[in-house]
Structure formats: C-alpha cells, structure tokens
Amino acid sequence: MYQMTQSELIFDGADYDHERDSQRLTGQLLRVKEAINDGRWYTLKQLSEITGDPEASVSAQLRNLRKPRFGAYTINKRYIKAGLYEYALQKDY
C-alpha cells in the first residue's frame, strides 16, 4: 500500500491558506489515516473521539484519503440507520 510522506501532502481549495492551514490539515489527515488503518468500521463520531478532530474535518479527510494525491485509498462506507454511516479502510494484502 502507498505510504504518503508529510512533504507530499498538498492541500488546496478556495479558502485554503498554506501558512494558516497546512500544518493543521496535515495533522488531521495523518491522524485519521492512523485511526482507520486497522480495517475496522468507525462512525465519524468515533473517529472524532479518537483523533480529537471535529466530525466535519474527519469526513473531509476521509474524502481526501480517496484522492490520488493522498494515496487513493479505498474507504468503504456502510449505512447503519437514520443517516448514520460507518467507514473502514480497505486493506489490500
């Protein structure tokens, strides 16, 4: 599996400011990747509690992990109930 390095993490967006946001977003992405790396299923709330990052940020970083520039990881999603989903990193062995 592709291993990203901190120097490779390049964020963008209309409101992105490198000086203000790079370190924060890099930390979030790496924490979310580490938390979900075991292949188990997690809700956004659970990942938020593990990483200490807001649920919206966790959700954004899960989307980022799917992008080619952040490793093109397969993040599976399954419906639980009442708008609640769980997410798992697919492990390719």
PDB file of N, CA and C in Angstrom:
ATOM      1  N   MET A   1       0.848  -1.184   0.000  1.00  0.00           N
ATOM      2  CA  MET A   1       0.000   0.000   0.000  1.00  0.00           C
ATOM      3  C   MET A   1       0.889   1.240   0.000  1.00  0.00           C
ATOM      4  N   TYR A   2       0.461   2.256  -0.702  1.00  0.00           N
ATOM      5  CA  TYR A   2       1.205   3.511  -0.815  1.00  0.00           C
ATOM      6  C   TYR A   2       1.351   4.179   0.548  1.00  0.00           C
ATOM      7  N   GLN A   3       2.556   4.615   0.880  1.00  0.00           N
ATOM      8  CA  GLN A   3       2.807   5.326   2.125  1.00  0.00           C
ATOM      9  C   GLN A   3       3.097   6.788   1.814  1.00  0.00           C
ATOM     10  N   MET A   4       2.205   7.674   2.224  1.00  0.00           N
ATOM     11  CA  MET A   4       2.415   9.097   1.954  1.00  0.00           C
ATOM     12  C   MET A   4       3.359   9.690   2.981  1.00  0.00           C
ATOM     13  N   THR A   5       4.134  10.668   2.527  1.00  0.00           N
ATOM     14  CA  THR A   5       5.009  11.386   3.439  1.00  0.00           C
ATOM     15  C   THR A   5       4.452  12.789   3.634  1.00  0.00           C
ATOM     16  N   GLN A   6       4.790  13.392   4.735  1.00  0.00           N
ATOM     17  CA  GLN A   6       4.263  14.713   5.076  1.00  0.00           C
ATOM     18  C   GLN A   6       4.584  15.748   3.997  1.00  0.00           C
ATOM     19  N   SER A   7       5.736  15.641   3.373  1.00  0.00           N
ATOM     20  CA  SER A   7       6.117  16.622   2.352  1.00  0.00           C
ATOM     21  C   SER A   7       5.288  16.478   1.081  1.00  0.00           C
ATOM     22  N   GLU A   8       4.641  15.336   0.896  1.00  0.00           N
ATOM     23  CA  GLU A   8       3.819  15.111  -0.286  1.00  0.00           C
ATOM     24  C   GLU A   8       2.390  15.618  -0.137  1.00  0.00           C
ATOM     25  N   LEU A   9       1.992  15.989   1.045  1.00  0.00           N
ATOM     26  CA  LEU A   9       0.614  16.372   1.292  1.00  0.00           C
ATOM     27  C   LEU A   9       0.390  17.808   0.837  1.00  0.00           C
ATOM     28  N   ILE A  10      -0.335  17.958  -0.265  1.00  0.00           N
ATOM     29  CA  ILE A  10      -0.598  19.271  -0.843  1.00  0.00           C
ATOM     30  C   ILE A  10      -2.102  19.498  -0.862  1.00  0.00           C
ATOM     31  N   PHE A  11      -2.538  20.438  -0.078  1.00  0.00           N
ATOM     32  CA  PHE A  11      -3.955  20.765   0.017  1.00  0.00           C
ATOM     33  C   PHE A  11      -4.256  21.963  -0.874  1.00  0.00           C
ATOM     34  N   ASP A  12      -5.537  22.152  -1.170  1.00  0.00           N
ATOM     35  CA  ASP A  12      -5.956  23.300  -1.955  1.00  0.00           C
ATOM     36  C   ASP A  12      -7.401  23.630  -1.604  1.00  0.00           C
ATOM     37  N   GLY A  13      -7.964  24.591  -2.279  1.00  0.00           N
ATOM     38  CA  GLY A  13      -9.344  24.995  -2.063  1.00  0.00           C
ATOM     39  C   GLY A  13      -9.457  26.503  -2.082  1.00  0.00           C
ATOM     40  N   ALA A  14     -10.664  26.971  -2.274  1.00  0.00           N
ATOM     41  CA  ALA A  14     -10.907  28.406  -2.411  1.00  0.00           C
ATOM     42  C   ALA A  14     -10.462  29.191  -1.180  1.00  0.00           C
ATOM     43  N   ASP A  15     -10.609  28.623   0.006  1.00  0.00           N
ATOM     44  CA  ASP A  15     -10.289  29.333   1.246  1.00  0.00           C
ATOM     45  C   ASP A  15      -8.966  28.868   1.864  1.00  0.00           C
ATOM     46  N   TYR A  16      -8.247  27.991   1.155  1.00  0.00           N
ATOM     47  CA  TYR A  16      -7.012  27.435   1.696  1.00  0.00           C
ATOM     48  C   TYR A  16      -5.900  28.481   1.711  1.00  0.00           C
ATOM     49  N   ASP A  17      -5.247  28.593   2.858  1.00  0.00           N
ATOM     50  CA  ASP A  17      -4.075  29.449   3.013  1.00  0.00           C
ATOM     51  C   ASP A  17      -2.960  28.571   3.571  1.00  0.00           C
ATOM     52  N   HIS A  18      -1.912  28.391   2.808  1.00  0.00           N
ATOM     53  CA  HIS A  18      -0.850  27.457   3.191  1.00  0.00           C
ATOM     54  C   HIS A  18      -0.295  27.747   4.584  1.00  0.00           C
ATOM     55  N   GLU A  19       0.042  28.984   4.856  1.00  0.00           N
ATOM     56  CA  GLU A  19       0.617  29.350   6.153  1.00  0.00           C
ATOM     57  C   GLU A  19      -0.334  29.035   7.309  1.00  0.00           C
ATOM     58  N   ARG A  20      -1.605  29.272   7.107  1.00  0.00           N
ATOM     59  CA  ARG A  20      -2.608  29.082   8.156  1.00  0.00           C
ATOM     60  C   ARG A  20      -3.050  27.629   8.282  1.00  0.00           C
ATOM     61  N   ASP A  21      -3.174  26.915   7.163  1.00  0.00           N
ATOM     62  CA  ASP A  21      -3.893  25.645   7.153  1.00  0.00           C
ATOM     63  C   ASP A  21      -3.055  24.385   6.969  1.00  0.00           C
ATOM     64  N   SER A  22      -1.876  24.491   6.386  1.00  0.00           N
ATOM     65  CA  SER A  22      -1.108  23.299   6.016  1.00  0.00           C
ATOM     66  C   SER A  22      -0.820  22.380   7.204  1.00  0.00           C
ATOM     67  N   GLN A  23      -0.293  22.918   8.268  1.00  0.00           N
ATOM     68  CA  GLN A  23       0.070  22.086   9.418  1.00  0.00           C
ATOM     69  C   GLN A  23      -1.168  21.434  10.046  1.00  0.00           C
ATOM     70  N   ARG A  24      -2.251  22.212  10.186  1.00  0.00           N
ATOM     71  CA  ARG A  24      -3.483  21.687  10.786  1.00  0.00           C
ATOM     72  C   ARG A  24      -4.075  20.560   9.934  1.00  0.00           C
ATOM     73  N   LEU A  25      -4.179  20.775   8.628  1.00  0.00           N
ATOM     74  CA  LEU A  25      -4.775  19.772   7.745  1.00  0.00           C
ATOM     75  C   LEU A  25      -3.897  18.539   7.613  1.00  0.00           C
ATOM     76  N   THR A  26      -2.590  18.733   7.581  1.00  0.00           N
ATOM     77  CA  THR A  26      -1.675  17.604   7.533  1.00  0.00           C
ATOM     78  C   THR A  26      -1.839  16.738   8.779  1.00  0.00           C
ATOM     79  N   GLY A  27      -1.887  17.367   9.941  1.00  0.00           N
ATOM     80  CA  GLY A  27      -2.089  16.625  11.181  1.00  0.00           C
ATOM     81  C   GLY A  27      -3.396  15.861  11.184  1.00  0.00           C
ATOM     82  N   GLN A  28      -4.474  16.517  10.740  1.00  0.00           N
ATOM     83  CA  GLN A  28      -5.782  15.844  10.684  1.00  0.00           C
ATOM     84  C   GLN A  28      -5.721  14.621   9.783  1.00  0.00           C
ATOM     85  N   LEU A  29      -5.174  14.792   8.585  1.00  0.00           N
ATOM     86  CA  LEU A  29      -5.133  13.692   7.627  1.00  0.00           C
ATOM     87  C   LEU A  29      -4.348  12.512   8.185  1.00  0.00           C
ATOM     88  N   LEU A  30      -3.202  12.788   8.762  1.00  0.00           N
ATOM     89  CA  LEU A  30      -2.377  11.710   9.307  1.00  0.00           C
ATOM     90  C   LEU A  30      -3.039  11.027  10.500  1.00  0.00           C
ATOM     91  N   ARG A  31      -3.712  11.807  11.351  1.00  0.00           N
ATOM     92  CA  ARG A  31      -4.410  11.202  12.500  1.00  0.00           C
ATOM     93  C   ARG A  31      -5.571  10.321  12.040  1.00  0.00           C
ATOM     94  N   VAL A  32      -6.346  10.788  11.061  1.00  0.00           N
ATOM     95  CA  VAL A  32      -7.468   9.997  10.554  1.00  0.00           C
ATOM     96  C   VAL A  32      -6.948   8.726   9.890  1.00  0.00           C
ATOM     97  N   LYS A  33      -5.902   8.844   9.087  1.00  0.00           N
ATOM     98  CA  LYS A  33      -5.316   7.671   8.425  1.00  0.00           C
ATOM     99  C   LYS A  33      -4.839   6.662   9.455  1.00  0.00           C
ATOM    100  N   GLU A  34      -4.165   7.126  10.491  1.00  0.00           N
ATOM    101  CA  GLU A  34      -3.677   6.219  11.537  1.00  0.00           C
ATOM    102  C   GLU A  34      -4.845   5.552  12.275  1.00  0.00           C
ATOM    103  N   ALA A  35      -5.892   6.318  12.565  1.00  0.00           N
ATOM    104  CA  ALA A  35      -7.032   5.783  13.319  1.00  0.00           C
ATOM    105  C   ALA A  35      -7.784   4.712  12.544  1.00  0.00           C
ATOM    106  N   ILE A  36      -7.913   4.888  11.246  1.00  0.00           N
ATOM    107  CA  ILE A  36      -8.735   3.981  10.443  1.00  0.00           C
ATOM    108  C   ILE A  36      -7.899   2.873   9.794  1.00  0.00           C
ATOM    109  N   ASN A  37      -6.621   2.883  10.035  1.00  0.00           N
ATOM    110  CA  ASN A  37      -5.689   1.969   9.368  1.00  0.00           C
ATOM    111  C   ASN A  37      -5.860   0.508   9.771  1.00  0.00           C
ATOM    112  N   ASP A  38      -6.632   0.213  10.803  1.00  0.00           N
ATOM    113  CA  ASP A  38      -6.774  -1.171  11.249  1.00  0.00           C
ATOM    114  C   ASP A  38      -7.846  -1.950  10.504  1.00  0.00           C
ATOM    115  N   GLY A  39      -8.570  -1.299   9.572  1.00  0.00           N
ATOM    116  CA  GLY A  39      -9.581  -2.001   8.788  1.00  0.00           C
ATOM    117  C   GLY A  39     -10.917  -2.178   9.480  1.00  0.00           C
ATOM    118  N   ARG A  40     -11.029  -1.730  10.722  1.00  0.00           N
ATOM    119  CA  ARG A  40     -12.306  -1.838  11.450  1.00  0.00           C
ATOM    120  C   ARG A  40     -13.251  -0.731  10.993  1.00  0.00           C
ATOM    121  N   TRP A  41     -14.532  -0.887  11.319  1.00  0.00           N
ATOM    122  CA  TRP A  41     -15.565   0.086  10.966  1.00  0.00           C
ATOM    123  C   TRP A  41     -15.706   1.132  12.070  1.00  0.00           C
ATOM    124  N   TYR A  42     -15.813   2.400  11.667  1.00  0.00           N
ATOM    125  CA  TYR A  42     -15.949   3.519  12.599  1.00  0.00           C
ATOM    126  C   TYR A  42     -16.987   4.521  12.093  1.00  0.00           C
ATOM    127  N   THR A  43     -17.726   5.109  13.012  1.00  0.00           N
ATOM    128  CA  THR A  43     -18.566   6.248  12.669  1.00  0.00           C
ATOM    129  C   THR A  43     -17.694   7.503  12.702  1.00  0.00           C
ATOM    130  N   LEU A  44     -18.215   8.593  12.132  1.00  0.00           N
ATOM    131  CA  LEU A  44     -17.475   9.852  12.205  1.00  0.00           C
ATOM    132  C   LEU A  44     -17.267  10.265  13.657  1.00  0.00           C
ATOM    133  N   LYS A  45     -18.281  10.027  14.491  1.00  0.00           N
ATOM    134  CA  LYS A  45     -18.164  10.386  15.909  1.00  0.00           C
ATOM    135  C   LYS A  45     -17.026   9.616  16.569  1.00  0.00           C
ATOM    136  N   GLN A  46     -16.941   8.330  16.302  1.00  0.00           N
ATOM    137  CA  GLN A  46     -15.871   7.528  16.891  1.00  0.00           C
ATOM    138  C   GLN A  46     -14.493   8.010  16.420  1.00  0.00           C
ATOM    139  N   LEU A  47     -14.368   8.287  15.129  1.00  0.00           N
ATOM    140  CA  LEU A  47     -13.088   8.783  14.621  1.00  0.00           C
ATOM    141  C   LEU A  47     -12.763  10.151  15.199  1.00  0.00           C
ATOM    142  N   SER A  48     -13.786  10.971  15.388  1.00  0.00           N
ATOM    143  CA  SER A  48     -13.588  12.280  16.006  1.00  0.00           C
ATOM    144  C   SER A  48     -13.069  12.132  17.435  1.00  0.00           C
ATOM    145  N   GLU A  49     -13.636  11.192  18.165  1.00  0.00           N
ATOM    146  CA  GLU A  49     -13.196  10.964  19.546  1.00  0.00           C
ATOM    147  C   GLU A  49     -11.766  10.434  19.594  1.00  0.00           C
ATOM    148  N   ILE A  50     -11.405   9.580  18.650  1.00  0.00           N
ATOM    149  CA  ILE A  50     -10.055   9.015  18.607  1.00  0.00           C
ATOM    150  C   ILE A  50      -9.024  10.080  18.245  1.00  0.00           C
ATOM    151  N   THR A  51      -9.339  10.896  17.230  1.00  0.00           N
ATOM    152  CA  THR A  51      -8.359  11.857  16.706  1.00  0.00           C
ATOM    153  C   THR A  51      -8.376  13.194  17.433  1.00  0.00           C
ATOM    154  N   GLY A  52      -9.515  13.528  18.053  1.00  0.00           N
ATOM    155  CA  GLY A  52      -9.659  14.840  18.666  1.00  0.00           C
ATOM    156  C   GLY A  52     -10.027  15.924  17.668  1.00  0.00           C
ATOM    157  N   ASP A  53     -10.339  15.536  16.437  1.00  0.00           N
ATOM    158  CA  ASP A  53     -10.714  16.475  15.386  1.00  0.00           C
ATOM    159  C   ASP A  53     -12.228  16.502  15.219  1.00  0.00           C
ATOM    160  N   PRO A  54     -12.792  17.625  14.771  1.00  0.00           N
ATOM    161  CA  PRO A  54     -14.247  17.707  14.560  1.00  0.00           C
ATOM    162  C   PRO A  54     -14.722  16.684  13.524  1.00  0.00           C
ATOM    163  N   GLU A  55     -15.970  16.233  13.673  1.00  0.00           N
ATOM    164  CA  GLU A  55     -16.528  15.252  12.737  1.00  0.00           C
ATOM    165  C   GLU A  55     -16.470  15.741  11.296  1.00  0.00           C
ATOM    166  N   ALA A  56     -16.754  17.032  11.062  1.00  0.00           N
ATOM    167  CA  ALA A  56     -16.710  17.568   9.696  1.00  0.00           C
ATOM    168  C   ALA A  56     -15.294  17.467   9.119  1.00  0.00           C
ATOM    169  N   SER A  57     -14.295  17.681   9.945  1.00  0.00           N
ATOM    170  CA  SER A  57     -12.901  17.569   9.492  1.00  0.00           C
ATOM    171  C   SER A  57     -12.542  16.117   9.201  1.00  0.00           C
ATOM    172  N   VAL A  58     -13.006  15.211  10.041  1.00  0.00           N
ATOM    173  CA  VAL A  58     -12.766  13.785   9.809  1.00  0.00           C
ATOM    174  C   VAL A  58     -13.387  13.371   8.477  1.00  0.00           C
ATOM    175  N   SER A  59     -14.611  13.803   8.233  1.00  0.00           N
ATOM    176  CA  SER A  59     -15.291  13.494   6.978  1.00  0.00           C
ATOM    177  C   SER A  59     -14.500  14.028   5.782  1.00  0.00           C
ATOM    178  N   ALA A  60     -14.027  15.258   5.882  1.00  0.00           N
ATOM    179  CA  ALA A  60     -13.236  15.849   4.799  1.00  0.00           C
ATOM    180  C   ALA A  60     -11.940  15.075   4.572  1.00  0.00           C
ATOM    181  N   GLN A  61     -11.315  14.616   5.635  1.00  0.00           N
ATOM    182  CA  GLN A  61     -10.053  13.886   5.481  1.00  0.00           C
ATOM    183  C   GLN A  61     -10.281  12.483   4.924  1.00  0.00           C
ATOM    184  N   LEU A  62     -11.424  11.872   5.230  1.00  0.00           N
ATOM    185  CA  LEU A  62     -11.756  10.590   4.601  1.00  0.00           C
ATOM    186  C   LEU A  62     -11.905  10.778   3.089  1.00  0.00           C
ATOM    187  N   ARG A  63     -12.547  11.879   2.678  1.00  0.00           N
ATOM    188  CA  ARG A  63     -12.659  12.180   1.245  1.00  0.00           C
ATOM    189  C   ARG A  63     -11.272  12.411   0.644  1.00  0.00           C
ATOM    190  N   ASN A  64     -10.417  13.125   1.362  1.00  0.00           N
ATOM    191  CA  ASN A  64      -9.065  13.361   0.865  1.00  0.00           C
ATOM    192  C   ASN A  64      -8.293  12.060   0.683  1.00  0.00           C
ATOM    193  N   LEU A  65      -8.431  11.132   1.614  1.00  0.00           N
ATOM    194  CA  LEU A  65      -7.703   9.869   1.512  1.00  0.00           C
ATOM    195  C   LEU A  65      -8.070   9.093   0.251  1.00  0.00           C
ATOM    196  N   ARG A  66      -9.251   9.332  -0.285  1.00  0.00           N
ATOM    197  CA  ARG A  66      -9.674   8.662  -1.523  1.00  0.00           C
ATOM    198  C   ARG A  66      -9.014   9.270  -2.767  1.00  0.00           C
ATOM    199  N   LYS A  67      -8.510  10.486  -2.665  1.00  0.00           N
ATOM    200  CA  LYS A  67      -7.925  11.185  -3.815  1.00  0.00           C
ATOM    201  C   LYS A  67      -6.546  10.623  -4.152  1.00  0.00           C
ATOM    202  N   PRO A  68      -6.224  10.553  -5.459  1.00  0.00           N
ATOM    203  CA  PRO A  68      -4.912  10.023  -5.854  1.00  0.00           C
ATOM    204  C   PRO A  68      -3.732  10.717  -5.171  1.00  0.00           C
ATOM    205  N   ARG A  69      -3.779  12.015  -5.006  1.00  0.00           N
ATOM    206  CA  ARG A  69      -2.622  12.713  -4.432  1.00  0.00           C
ATOM    207  C   ARG A  69      -2.434  12.434  -2.948  1.00  0.00           C
ATOM    208  N   PHE A  70      -3.435  11.824  -2.316  1.00  0.00           N
ATOM    209  CA  PHE A  70      -3.314  11.453  -0.904  1.00  0.00           C
ATOM    210  C   PHE A  70      -3.283   9.937  -0.719  1.00  0.00           C
ATOM    211  N   GLY A  71      -3.032   9.205  -1.790  1.00  0.00           N
ATOM    212  CA  GLY A  71      -2.854   7.759  -1.683  1.00  0.00           C
ATOM    213  C   GLY A  71      -3.893   6.913  -2.370  1.00  0.00           C
ATOM    214  N   ALA A  72      -5.022   7.495  -2.800  1.00  0.00           N
ATOM    215  CA  ALA A  72      -6.085   6.755  -3.481  1.00  0.00           C
ATOM    216  C   ALA A  72      -6.533   5.534  -2.682  1.00  0.00           C
ATOM    217  N   TYR A  73      -6.673   5.717  -1.378  1.00  0.00           N
ATOM    218  CA  TYR A  73      -7.124   4.624  -0.524  1.00  0.00           C
ATOM    219  C   TYR A  73      -8.589   4.313  -0.785  1.00  0.00           C
ATOM    220  N   THR A  74      -8.950   3.057  -0.596  1.00  0.00           N
ATOM    221  CA  THR A  74     -10.346   2.665  -0.683  1.00  0.00           C
ATOM    222  C   THR A  74     -10.942   2.778   0.709  1.00  0.00           C
ATOM    223  N   ILE A  75     -11.836   3.744   0.862  1.00  0.00           N
ATOM    224  CA  ILE A  75     -12.546   3.936   2.128  1.00  0.00           C
ATOM    225  C   ILE A  75     -13.969   3.452   1.912  1.00  0.00           C
ATOM    226  N   ASN A  76     -14.303   2.332   2.514  1.00  0.00           N
ATOM    227  CA  ASN A  76     -15.645   1.777   2.373  1.00  0.00           C
ATOM    228  C   ASN A  76     -16.601   2.491   3.315  1.00  0.00           C
ATOM    229  N   LYS A  77     -17.855   2.530   2.904  1.00  0.00           N
ATOM    230  CA  LYS A  77     -18.901   3.219   3.669  1.00  0.00           C
ATOM    231  C   LYS A  77     -20.116   2.312   3.719  1.00  0.00           C
ATOM    232  N   ARG A  78     -20.703   2.177   4.904  1.00  0.00           N
ATOM    233  CA  ARG A  78     -21.929   1.382   5.000  1.00  0.00           C
ATOM    234  C   ARG A  78     -22.957   2.099   5.875  1.00  0.00           C
ATOM    235  N   TYR A  79     -24.191   1.976   5.455  1.00  0.00           N
ATOM    236  CA  TYR A  79     -25.312   2.617   6.138  1.00  0.00           C
ATOM    237  C   TYR A  79     -25.677   1.817   7.378  1.00  0.00           C
ATOM    238  N   ILE A  80     -25.882   2.526   8.490  1.00  0.00           N
ATOM    239  CA  ILE A  80     -26.302   1.872   9.729  1.00  0.00           C
ATOM    240  C   ILE A  80     -27.800   2.098   9.938  1.00  0.00           C
ATOM    241  N   LYS A  81     -28.184   3.370  10.173  1.00  0.00           N
ATOM    242  CA  LYS A  81     -29.595   3.729  10.342  1.00  0.00           C
ATOM    243  C   LYS A  81     -29.704   5.240  10.493  1.00  0.00           C
ATOM    244  N   ALA A  82     -30.850   5.772  10.176  1.00  0.00           N
ATOM    245  CA  ALA A  82     -31.190   7.180  10.431  1.00  0.00           C
ATOM    246  C   ALA A  82     -30.078   8.148  10.029  1.00  0.00           C
ATOM    247  N   GLY A  83     -29.507   7.957   8.858  1.00  0.00           N
ATOM    248  CA  GLY A  83     -28.457   8.854   8.375  1.00  0.00           C
ATOM    249  C   GLY A  83     -27.084   8.589   8.951  1.00  0.00           C
ATOM    250  N   LEU A  84     -26.906   7.521   9.705  1.00  0.00           N
ATOM    251  CA  LEU A  84     -25.625   7.183  10.321  1.00  0.00           C
ATOM    252  C   LEU A  84     -24.881   6.178   9.445  1.00  0.00           C
ATOM    253  N   TYR A  85     -23.615   6.472   9.200  1.00  0.00           N
ATOM    254  CA  TYR A  85     -22.765   5.606   8.393  1.00  0.00           C
ATOM    255  C   TYR A  85     -21.521   5.221   9.179  1.00  0.00           C
ATOM    256  N   GLU A  86     -20.910   4.119   8.746  1.00  0.00           N
ATOM    257  CA  GLU A  86     -19.612   3.711   9.262  1.00  0.00           C
ATOM    258  C   GLU A  86     -18.641   3.658   8.086  1.00  0.00           C
ATOM    259  N   TYR A  87     -17.367   3.832   8.413  1.00  0.00           N
ATOM    260  CA  TYR A  87     -16.317   3.879   7.406  1.00  0.00           C
ATOM    261  C   TYR A  87     -15.195   2.939   7.807  1.00  0.00           C
ATOM    262  N   ALA A  88     -14.582   2.330   6.796  1.00  0.00           N
ATOM    263  CA  ALA A  88     -13.446   1.431   7.043  1.00  0.00           C
ATOM    264  C   ALA A  88     -12.467   1.557   5.896  1.00  0.00           C
ATOM    265  N   LEU A  89     -11.193   1.500   6.224  1.00  0.00           N
ATOM    266  CA  LEU A  89     -10.147   1.475   5.206  1.00  0.00           C
ATOM    267  C   LEU A  89     -10.019   0.037   4.716  1.00  0.00           C
ATOM    268  N   GLN A  90     -10.140  -0.145   3.416  1.00  0.00           N
ATOM    269  CA  GLN A  90      -9.991  -1.482   2.844  1.00  0.00           C
ATOM    270  C   GLN A  90      -8.519  -1.839   2.815  1.00  0.00           C
ATOM    271  N   LYS A  91      -8.185  -2.921   3.431  1.00  0.00           N
ATOM    272  CA  LYS A  91      -6.803  -3.380   3.475  1.00  0.00           C
ATOM    273  C   LYS A  91      -6.554  -4.293   2.275  1.00  0.00           C
ATOM    274  N   ASP A  92      -5.548  -3.962   1.481  1.00  0.00           N
ATOM    275  CA  ASP A  92      -5.168  -4.774   0.334  1.00  0.00           C
ATOM    276  C   ASP A  92      -3.910  -5.540   0.691  1.00  0.00           C
ATOM    277  N   TYR A  93      -4.084  -6.822   0.894  1.00  0.00           N
ATOM    278  CA  TYR A  93      -2.939  -7.658   1.292  1.00  0.00           C
ATOM    279  C   TYR A  93      -2.443  -8.447   0.110  1.00  0.00           C
TER     280      TYR A  93
END
